[in-house]
C-alpha atoms as a PDB file:
ATOM      1  CA  ARG A   1      16.588 253.372 138.697  1.00  0.00           C
ATOM      2  CA  MET A   2      17.228 249.699 139.579  1.00  0.00           C
ATOM      3  CA  SER A   3      15.912 247.909 142.544  1.00  0.00           C
ATOM      4  CA  THR A   4      18.170 245.707 144.756  1.00  0.00           C
ATOM      5  CA  ARG A   5      16.365 242.777 143.353  1.00  0.00           C
ATOM      6  CA  GLN A   6      17.308 243.731 139.708  1.00  0.00           C
ATOM      7  CA  ILE A   7      20.885 244.296 140.709  1.00  0.00           C
ATOM      8  CA  ARG A   8      21.058 240.783 142.313  1.00  0.00           C
ATOM      9  CA  GLU A   9      19.541 239.217 139.142  1.00  0.00           C
ATOM     10  CA  VAL A  10      22.050 241.088 136.814  1.00  0.00           C
ATOM     11  CA  ILE A  11      25.050 239.948 138.949  1.00  0.00           C
ATOM     12  CA  SER A  12      23.665 236.381 139.057  1.00  0.00           C
ATOM     13  CA  GLY A  13      23.179 236.308 135.335  1.00  0.00           C
ATOM     14  CA  TYR A  14      26.698 237.486 134.657  1.00  0.00           C
ATOM     15  CA  ALA A  15      28.148 235.116 137.122  1.00  0.00           C
ATOM     16  CA  LYS A  16      26.360 232.178 135.462  1.00  0.00           C
ATOM     17  CA  ILE A  17      27.743 233.247 132.060  1.00  0.00           C
ATOM     18  CA  ALA A  18      31.192 233.502 133.508  1.00  0.00           C
ATOM     19  CA  GLY A  19      30.909 230.002 135.008  1.00  0.00           C
ATOM     20  CA  PHE A  20      30.644 230.928 138.687  1.00  0.00           C
ATOM     21  CA  ASP A  21      27.944 229.418 140.887  1.00  0.00           C
ATOM     22  CA  ASN A  22      27.696 231.457 144.002  1.00  0.00           C
ATOM     23  CA  ILE A  23      28.378 235.239 143.349  1.00  0.00           C
ATOM     24  CA  THR A  24      26.431 237.613 145.425  1.00  0.00           C
ATOM     25  CA  CYS A  25      26.516 241.490 145.833  1.00  0.00           C
ATOM     26  CA  HIS A  26      28.150 240.993 149.199  1.00  0.00           C
ATOM     27  CA  SER A  27      30.847 238.697 147.792  1.00  0.00           C
ATOM     28  CA  LEU A  28      31.668 241.341 145.139  1.00  0.00           C
ATOM     29  CA  ARG A  29      31.800 244.026 147.825  1.00  0.00           C
ATOM     30  CA  ARG A  30      34.056 241.991 150.087  1.00  0.00           C
ATOM     31  CA  SER A  31      36.407 241.210 147.133  1.00  0.00           C
ATOM     32  CA  PHE A  32      36.663 244.938 146.288  1.00  0.00           C
ATOM     33  CA  GLY A  33      37.226 245.866 149.898  1.00  0.00           C
ATOM     34  CA  MET A  34      40.021 243.372 150.297  1.00  0.00           C
ATOM     35  CA  ALA A  35      41.730 244.181 147.110  1.00  0.00           C
ATOM     36  CA  PHE A  36      41.455 247.908 147.783  1.00  0.00           C
ATOM     37  CA  TYR A  37      42.941 247.567 151.263  1.00  0.00           C
ATOM     38  CA  ASN A  38      45.822 245.295 149.923  1.00  0.00           C
ATOM     39  CA  GLN A  39      46.674 247.821 147.330  1.00  0.00           C
ATOM     40  CA  THR A  40      46.468 250.990 149.530  1.00  0.00           C
ATOM     41  CA  GLY A  41      47.235 249.602 152.961  1.00  0.00           C
ATOM     42  CA  ASP A  42      45.108 252.427 154.245  1.00  0.00           C
ATOM     43  CA  ILE A  43      42.339 251.184 156.586  1.00  0.00           C
ATOM     44  CA  GLN A  44      40.716 254.681 157.170  1.00  0.00           C
ATOM     45  CA  LEU A  45      40.362 255.144 153.333  1.00  0.00           C
ATOM     46  CA  THR A  46      39.026 251.658 152.901  1.00  0.00           C
ATOM     47  CA  ALA A  47      36.487 252.252 155.656  1.00  0.00           C
ATOM     48  CA  ASP A  48      35.511 255.498 154.172  1.00  0.00           C
ATOM     49  CA  ILE A  49      34.990 254.106 150.687  1.00  0.00           C
ATOM     50  CA  LEU A  50      33.014 251.187 151.920  1.00  0.00           C
ATOM     51  CA  GLY A  51      30.737 253.506 153.990  1.00  0.00           C
ATOM     52  CA  HIS A  52      31.759 252.085 157.444  1.00  0.00           C
ATOM     53  CA  LYS A  53      31.385 254.444 160.480  1.00  0.00           C
ATOM     54  CA  SER A  54      34.127 252.678 162.341  1.00  0.00           C
ATOM     55  CA  THR A  55      37.494 251.353 161.088  1.00  0.00           C
ATOM     56  CA  GLU A  56      37.048 248.389 163.525  1.00  0.00           C
ATOM     57  CA  VAL A  57      34.445 246.852 161.177  1.00  0.00           C
ATOM     58  CA  THR A  58      36.761 247.292 158.288  1.00  0.00           C
ATOM     59  CA  ARG A  59      39.735 245.953 160.155  1.00  0.00           C
ATOM     60  CA  LYS A  60      37.793 242.927 161.226  1.00  0.00           C
ATOM     61  CA  HIS A  61      36.499 241.914 157.749  1.00  0.00           C
ATOM     62  CA  TYR A  62      38.774 243.353 155.172  1.00  0.00           C
ATOM     63  CA  SER A  63      42.305 243.968 156.395  1.00  0.00           C
ATOM     64  CA  LYS A  64      43.640 240.462 156.274  1.00  0.00           C
ATOM     65  CA  PRO A  65      46.843 241.022 154.183  1.00  0.00           C
ATOM     66  CA  SER A  66      47.418 239.056 151.129  1.00  0.00           C
ATOM     67  CA  GLU A  67      50.412 236.643 150.884  1.00  0.00           C
ATOM     68  CA  GLN A  68      51.961 238.862 148.196  1.00  0.00           C
ATOM     69  CA  ARG A  69      51.747 241.930 150.535  1.00  0.00           C
ATOM     70  CA  LYS A  70      53.152 239.941 153.472  1.00  0.00           C
ATOM     71  CA  ARG A  71      56.125 238.664 151.277  1.00  0.00           C
ATOM     72  CA  ALA A  72      56.791 242.231 149.940  1.00  0.00           C
ATOM     73  CA  HIS A  73      56.880 243.733 153.475  1.00  0.00           C
ATOM     74  CA  ALA A  74      59.065 240.878 154.803  1.00  0.00           C
ATOM     75  CA  LEU A  75      61.484 241.291 151.862  1.00  0.00           C
ATOM     76  CA  ASN A  76      61.837 245.047 152.496  1.00  0.00           C
ATOM     77  CA  PHE A  77      62.033 244.911 156.355  1.00  0.00           C
ATOM     78  CA  LYS A  78      65.311 246.104 157.791  1.00  0.00           C
ATOM     79  CA  TYR A  79      65.990 245.746 161.480  1.00  0.00           C
ATOM     80  CA  GLU A  80      67.705 248.802 162.852  1.00  0.00           C
ATOM     81  CA  LYS A  81      68.922 248.804 166.439  1.00  0.00           C
ATOM     82  CA  GLU A  82      68.057 252.097 168.251  1.00  0.00           C
END
């Protein structure tokens, strides 16, 4: 079993090897959360996978859509008058 300190040291070591200066466990989690949401578009599923009790926390921190996702939805939008 690894301690949280050991995990931080492993991540820091690999980040230095890869040429990154400031990679943390939190930055990896946030990157995963944003990428997952941008691929699925499902805020409830993203909240569940990240272990959030409320989707509000997930929406606030992870649901900013990527430029690619905004473009794709804008291109596929069709206005239909009711």
